[in-house]
Amino acid sequence: MESQKQTTTRKRNRRGEGQKLRDELIDAASRLLEQHGAVEALSLRAVATEAGVSAPSVYRHFDDLDDLLLAVVEARFGDFEQHLAAATDGIDDPFAALVAMGRAYLQFADEQPGRYQAIFHHGLADRVAGDVPFEEVPGSGCFVAIVDAVQRCLDAEPPDDGSSDERDAFRIAVHLWTGVHGIADLRANHPAFPWPPIDDLLTDMAEQVLPRRPSPG
């Protein structure tokens, strides 16, 4: 009697489901990055194995490993950008919204450390971006969202004397981004440190670069 070979294969996508396979390959590459913590652990063959498809299937969607890594970075930064945007839903006070965005930033780093490491700590964005304008660099949309949030704070409290506001939203956003990113990294590497409440840290940081004027009356 002929023996039956037991194999585990991935169910073939139906015609027109190419995008589904592409997304599955991106997710597989993301998982490998999160598990191994190093780009060097990635190869198209390893991603194919993780996704349960043959290696040639990967080439139908990505030209090479850098092409796949670009898709990974864009997808994961997309997740991050949506997470930041959702944190400000329903918040009318622009200053409170900015603090909420910082809180969401740290929440993402705490709750999804693998994805956070994948987009910020492997140099992937720089590796796959090449010589392109900042607006086209993966992840730039996240920073632009911070700049926009800062600008809304500036617009809400213009100078008292009616002069033009020369404060630069971009520069302020850089200060805030580096500060929040530093907190995320330090908290991950020094969890035993007696950290003050996160909201207090974020509010203090925001008030240092965006001092609020007292309410009239």
Protein backbone atom coordinates (compact mmCIF):
# COMPACT_ATOMS: atom_id res chain seq x y z
CA MET A 1 0.00 0.00 0.00
CA GLU A 2 1.43 3.32 -1.00
CA SER A 3 2.31 5.45 2.00
CA GLN A 4 0.72 8.83 2.27
CA LYS A 5 3.15 11.68 2.91
CA GLN A 6 1.86 14.13 5.47
CA THR A 7 2.64 17.72 4.50
CA THR A 8 1.41 21.05 5.70
CA THR A 9 0.73 23.44 2.88
CA ARG A 10 -0.86 26.82 2.70
CA LYS A 11 -4.27 26.99 1.08
CA ARG A 12 -3.91 28.54 -2.35
CA ASN A 13 -5.52 31.93 -2.75
CA ARG A 14 -8.31 32.14 -5.26
CA ARG A 15 -7.92 34.19 -8.39
CA GLY A 16 -7.91 37.88 -7.55
CA GLU A 17 -6.56 37.36 -4.03
CA GLY A 18 -3.02 38.44 -4.85
CA GLN A 19 -3.28 41.41 -2.48
CA LYS A 20 -4.15 39.01 0.32
CA LEU A 21 -0.97 37.02 -0.28
CA ARG A 22 1.06 40.22 -0.46
CA ASP A 23 -0.32 41.29 2.93
CA GLU A 24 0.42 37.84 4.36
CA LEU A 25 4.03 38.10 3.21
CA ILE A 26 4.36 41.53 4.82
CA ASP A 27 2.93 40.15 8.06
CA ALA A 28 5.27 37.15 7.90
CA ALA A 29 8.30 39.40 7.45
CA SER A 30 7.08 41.56 10.35
CA ARG A 31 6.81 38.54 12.62
CA LEU A 32 10.34 37.43 11.77
CA LEU A 33 11.67 40.90 12.57
CA GLU A 34 9.81 40.89 15.88
CA GLN A 35 10.99 37.39 16.78
CA HIS A 36 14.65 37.73 15.82
CA GLY A 37 15.17 41.45 16.28
CA ALA A 38 17.59 41.74 13.39
CA VAL A 39 17.26 42.41 9.68
CA GLU A 40 20.04 39.88 9.10
CA ALA A 41 17.63 37.12 10.11
CA LEU A 42 15.44 37.94 7.14
CA SER A 43 15.59 36.40 3.69
CA LEU A 44 12.94 35.95 1.05
CA ARG A 45 13.14 32.19 1.59
CA ALA A 46 12.61 32.59 5.34
CA VAL A 47 9.63 34.86 4.74
CA ALA A 48 8.16 32.35 2.29
CA THR A 49 8.54 29.57 4.84
CA GLU A 50 6.94 31.70 7.56
CA ALA A 51 4.01 32.49 5.26
CA GLY A 52 3.65 28.86 4.15
CA VAL A 53 4.29 29.47 0.46
CA SER A 54 7.01 28.60 -2.01
CA ALA A 55 9.91 30.99 -2.50
CA PRO A 56 8.95 31.85 -6.10
CA SER A 57 5.59 33.11 -4.80
CA VAL A 58 7.40 35.95 -3.04
CA TYR A 59 8.92 37.18 -6.28
CA ARG A 60 5.48 37.64 -7.78
CA HIS A 61 4.98 40.51 -5.33
CA PHE A 62 8.47 41.79 -4.41
CA ASP A 63 11.54 42.26 -6.56
CA ASP A 64 14.01 41.65 -3.73
CA LEU A 65 14.40 41.81 0.04
CA ASP A 66 14.65 45.61 0.13
CA ASP A 67 11.39 45.85 -1.79
CA LEU A 68 9.73 43.65 0.82
CA LEU A 69 11.31 45.60 3.69
CA LEU A 70 9.96 48.84 2.22
CA ALA A 71 6.46 47.34 2.26
CA VAL A 72 6.96 46.20 5.86
CA VAL A 73 8.07 49.64 7.01
CA GLU A 74 5.21 51.37 5.20
CA ALA A 75 2.64 48.96 6.65
CA ARG A 76 3.91 49.15 10.21
CA PHE A 77 4.29 52.93 10.14
CA GLY A 78 0.73 52.99 8.80
CA ASP A 79 -0.38 51.08 11.89
CA PHE A 80 1.52 53.52 14.08
CA GLU A 81 0.07 56.58 12.37
CA GLN A 82 -3.49 55.23 12.77
CA HIS A 83 -2.79 54.54 16.44
CA LEU A 84 -1.67 58.15 17.00
CA ALA A 85 -4.65 59.56 15.10
CA ALA A 86 -7.16 57.45 17.04
CA ALA A 87 -5.80 58.77 20.33
CA THR A 88 -6.96 62.31 19.55
CA ASP A 89 -10.48 61.45 18.40
CA GLY A 90 -13.05 63.55 20.21
CA ILE A 91 -10.48 65.80 21.95
CA ASP A 92 -11.20 69.45 21.20
CA ASP A 93 -8.41 71.02 23.26
CA PRO A 94 -5.33 70.96 20.97
CA PHE A 95 -2.92 70.87 23.93
CA ALA A 96 -4.74 67.88 25.47
CA ALA A 97 -4.76 66.23 22.05
CA LEU A 98 -0.99 66.68 21.77
CA VAL A 99 -0.44 65.08 25.18
CA ALA A 100 -2.80 62.24 24.20
CA MET A 101 -0.74 61.67 21.07
CA GLY A 102 2.40 61.38 23.21
CA ARG A 103 0.63 58.93 25.48
CA ALA A 104 -0.38 56.85 22.47
CA TYR A 105 3.20 56.90 21.22
CA LEU A 106 4.43 55.38 24.49
CA GLN A 107 1.52 52.94 24.61
CA PHE A 108 2.46 51.61 21.18
CA ALA A 109 6.08 51.19 22.30
CA ASP A 110 4.96 49.37 25.48
CA GLU A 111 2.27 47.14 24.00
CA GLN A 112 3.82 46.37 20.61
CA PRO A 113 7.56 46.42 21.30
CA GLY A 114 8.36 44.16 18.34
CA ARG A 115 6.66 46.44 15.84
CA TYR A 116 8.09 49.53 17.52
CA GLN A 117 11.60 48.08 17.29
CA ALA A 118 11.02 47.04 13.69
CA ILE A 119 10.20 50.56 12.49
CA PHE A 120 12.55 52.58 14.69
CA HIS A 121 15.57 50.49 15.62
CA HIS A 122 16.79 48.60 12.57
CA GLY A 123 17.44 51.56 10.28
CA LEU A 124 14.86 50.12 7.90
CA ALA A 125 13.35 53.46 6.91
CA ASP A 126 16.75 54.86 5.96
CA ARG A 127 17.81 51.62 4.28
CA VAL A 128 14.82 51.43 1.98
CA ALA A 129 14.15 55.14 1.48
CA GLY A 130 17.19 55.95 -0.61
CA ASP A 131 17.66 59.50 -1.85
CA VAL A 132 14.06 60.72 -1.75
CA PRO A 133 12.38 63.85 -0.35
CA PHE A 134 11.44 63.70 3.32
CA GLU A 135 7.74 63.55 2.47
CA GLU A 136 8.34 60.21 0.73
CA VAL A 137 10.40 58.62 3.49
CA PRO A 138 8.49 55.82 5.27
CA GLY A 139 7.16 57.11 8.57
CA SER A 140 7.23 60.77 7.59
CA GLY A 141 3.44 60.88 7.91
CA CYS A 142 3.76 60.17 11.64
CA PHE A 143 6.06 63.14 12.13
CA VAL A 144 3.87 65.37 9.99
CA ALA A 145 0.96 64.45 12.27
CA ILE A 146 2.99 65.69 15.26
CA VAL A 147 3.84 68.93 13.44
CA ASP A 148 0.15 69.46 12.62
CA ALA A 149 -0.80 68.84 16.26
CA VAL A 150 1.76 71.41 17.40
CA GLN A 151 0.53 73.91 14.83
CA ARG A 152 -3.02 73.57 16.14
CA CYS A 153 -1.69 74.47 19.60
CA LEU A 154 0.07 77.54 18.20
CA ASP A 155 -3.03 78.61 16.30
CA ALA A 156 -5.14 78.27 19.45
CA GLU A 157 -2.93 80.67 21.42
CA PRO A 158 -1.49 83.39 19.18
CA PRO A 159 0.72 86.16 20.66
CA ASP A 160 -1.13 88.57 22.97
CA ASP A 161 0.15 91.66 21.18
CA GLY A 162 -1.28 90.62 17.83
CA SER A 163 2.16 90.20 16.25
CA SER A 164 2.97 87.30 13.98
CA ASP A 165 3.80 84.04 15.75
CA GLU A 166 7.38 83.17 14.87
CA ARG A 167 7.44 79.90 16.78
CA ASP A 168 8.31 77.08 14.41
CA ALA A 169 5.96 74.09 14.63
CA PHE A 170 8.53 71.86 12.92
CA ARG A 171 11.28 72.63 15.42
CA ILE A 172 8.93 72.23 18.37
CA ALA A 173 7.76 68.89 16.97
CA VAL A 174 11.40 67.75 16.72
CA HIS A 175 11.90 68.57 20.43
CA LEU A 176 8.76 66.68 21.38
CA TRP A 177 9.50 63.70 19.16
CA THR A 178 13.04 63.25 20.46
CA GLY A 179 11.80 63.65 24.03
CA VAL A 180 8.98 61.10 23.77
CA HIS A 181 11.17 58.71 21.81
CA GLY A 182 13.83 59.01 24.49
CA ILE A 183 11.31 58.21 27.21
CA ALA A 184 10.14 55.15 25.26
CA ASP A 185 13.69 53.83 24.87
CA LEU A 186 14.74 54.55 28.44
CA ARG A 187 11.61 52.99 29.93
CA ALA A 188 12.18 49.87 27.84
CA ASN A 189 15.81 49.58 28.91
CA HIS A 190 15.45 50.72 32.53
CA PRO A 191 12.06 49.47 33.75
CA ALA A 192 13.21 49.44 37.40
CA PHE A 193 13.81 53.21 37.40
CA PRO A 194 11.21 55.08 39.51
CA TRP A 195 9.55 56.79 36.57
CA PRO A 196 7.13 59.64 37.34
CA PRO A 197 3.59 59.26 35.98
CA ILE A 198 3.73 59.34 32.20
CA ASP A 199 1.04 62.01 31.85
CA ASP A 200 3.05 64.29 34.16
CA LEU A 201 6.19 63.79 32.05
CA LEU A 202 4.33 64.45 28.81
CA THR A 203 2.54 67.53 30.15
CA ASP A 204 5.78 68.97 31.54
CA MET A 205 7.54 68.37 28.22
CA ALA A 206 4.77 69.96 26.19
CA GLU A 207 4.54 72.98 28.50
CA GLN A 208 8.29 73.59 28.22
CA VAL A 209 8.06 74.12 24.48
CA LEU A 210 4.43 75.26 24.31
CA PRO A 211 3.76 77.28 27.48
CA ARG A 212 0.06 77.82 27.96
CA ARG A 213 -1.27 81.25 28.81
CA PRO A 214 -3.56 81.50 31.82
CA SER A 215 -7.25 81.64 31.01
CA PRO A 216 -8.72 85.18 31.18
CA GLY A 217 -10.68 85.99 34.29
